[in-house]
């Protein structure tokens, strides 16, 4: 896959992209827009708490157009295909 635009991402001190772990998501519609909900944890401790109460401690809800939702789904699918080709068989991806 092509390199990401580094200006749009946050990196840690060793140059790796900073990430949180996705634990839940949802989709809804509001007034001709698609709403994407992403629940995430920032640490192993938060993940352990999430496993007991099943509510993500951090959540983002973003409104996007239908065309942006389609474009995002295509981009996610392409990257998922690429990741699956690059990883050894049986490698766990984001808990899935």
Protein backbone atom coordinates (compact mmCIF):
# COMPACT_ATOMS: atom_id res chain seq x y z
CA UNK A 1 0.00 0.00 0.00
CA UNK A 2 1.17 3.55 -0.56
CA UNK A 3 2.70 5.47 2.32
CA UNK A 4 0.31 7.57 4.36
CA UNK A 5 0.52 11.36 4.35
CA UNK A 6 2.71 11.79 7.46
CA UNK A 7 1.53 15.38 8.01
CA UNK A 8 -1.97 14.11 8.92
CA UNK A 9 -0.94 11.53 11.55
CA UNK A 10 0.43 11.61 15.09
CA UNK A 11 3.67 9.72 15.74
CA UNK A 12 5.47 8.65 18.90
CA UNK A 13 9.14 9.35 19.71
CA UNK A 14 10.38 6.37 17.69
CA UNK A 15 8.37 7.24 14.58
CA UNK A 16 5.50 4.77 14.93
CA UNK A 17 1.91 5.89 14.35
CA UNK A 18 0.17 6.47 17.68
CA UNK A 19 -2.86 4.21 18.01
CA UNK A 20 -5.65 3.28 20.36
CA UNK A 21 -7.47 -0.08 20.23
CA UNK A 22 -10.88 -0.21 18.58
CA UNK A 23 -13.31 -2.14 20.79
CA UNK A 24 -16.69 -1.26 19.31
CA UNK A 25 -18.35 0.62 16.49
CA UNK A 26 -21.73 1.48 15.16
CA UNK A 27 -23.43 3.27 12.30
CA UNK A 28 -26.60 5.36 12.26
CA UNK A 29 -28.17 7.98 10.04
CA UNK A 30 -29.20 11.50 10.98
CA UNK A 31 -30.77 13.97 8.55
CA UNK A 32 -29.30 12.64 5.31
CA UNK A 33 -25.90 11.95 6.86
CA UNK A 34 -24.18 8.79 8.06
CA UNK A 35 -22.98 8.79 11.66
CA UNK A 36 -20.02 6.57 12.54
CA UNK A 37 -19.41 5.75 16.20
CA UNK A 38 -16.02 4.46 17.29
CA UNK A 39 -15.37 3.23 20.81
CA UNK A 40 -11.76 2.74 21.86
CA UNK A 41 -9.35 2.10 24.71
CA UNK A 42 -5.93 3.67 25.20
CA UNK A 43 -4.29 1.09 27.45
CA UNK A 44 -4.36 -2.53 28.52
CA UNK A 45 -5.95 -1.46 31.82
CA UNK A 46 -8.79 0.31 29.98
CA UNK A 47 -9.24 -2.80 27.84
CA UNK A 48 -9.57 -4.96 30.96
CA UNK A 49 -12.21 -2.57 32.35
CA UNK A 50 -14.02 -2.62 28.99
CA UNK A 51 -14.11 -6.42 29.12
CA UNK A 52 -16.07 -6.25 32.40
CA UNK A 53 -18.50 -3.39 31.76
CA UNK A 54 -18.65 -3.51 27.91
CA UNK A 55 -18.68 0.27 27.51
CA UNK A 56 -15.79 1.94 25.73
CA UNK A 57 -14.18 4.61 27.93
CA UNK A 58 -13.56 6.81 24.89
CA UNK A 59 -15.89 7.40 22.00
CA UNK A 60 -15.99 9.49 18.85
CA UNK A 61 -19.18 10.08 16.85
CA UNK A 62 -18.64 11.68 13.46
CA UNK A 63 -21.13 12.74 10.83
CA UNK A 64 -20.10 12.05 7.23
CA UNK A 65 -21.77 12.22 3.85
CA UNK A 66 -22.96 9.08 2.10
CA UNK A 67 -20.21 9.46 -0.52
CA UNK A 68 -17.54 9.81 2.19
CA UNK A 69 -18.92 6.69 3.92
CA UNK A 70 -18.62 4.74 0.67
CA UNK A 71 -15.08 6.01 0.05
CA UNK A 72 -14.07 5.11 3.62
CA UNK A 73 -15.48 1.60 3.25
CA UNK A 74 -13.51 1.07 0.03
CA UNK A 75 -10.29 2.34 1.61
CA UNK A 76 -10.77 0.16 4.72
CA UNK A 77 -11.45 -2.88 2.55
CA UNK A 78 -8.35 -2.30 0.43
CA UNK A 79 -6.12 -1.92 3.48
CA UNK A 80 -7.67 -4.99 5.12
CA UNK A 81 -6.95 -7.05 2.00
CA UNK A 82 -3.36 -5.77 1.94
CA UNK A 83 -2.80 -6.46 5.66
CA UNK A 84 -4.17 -10.00 5.34
CA UNK A 85 -1.80 -10.71 2.45
CA UNK A 86 1.20 -9.39 4.39
CA UNK A 87 0.57 -11.14 7.74
CA UNK A 88 1.34 -14.77 8.49
CA UNK A 89 -1.69 -17.08 8.61
CA UNK A 90 -3.41 -17.05 12.01
CA UNK A 91 -2.22 -13.58 13.02
CA UNK A 92 -4.82 -11.77 15.13
CA UNK A 93 -5.86 -8.36 13.83
CA UNK A 94 -7.48 -5.99 16.35
CA UNK A 95 -8.92 -8.85 18.37
CA UNK A 96 -10.81 -10.26 15.38
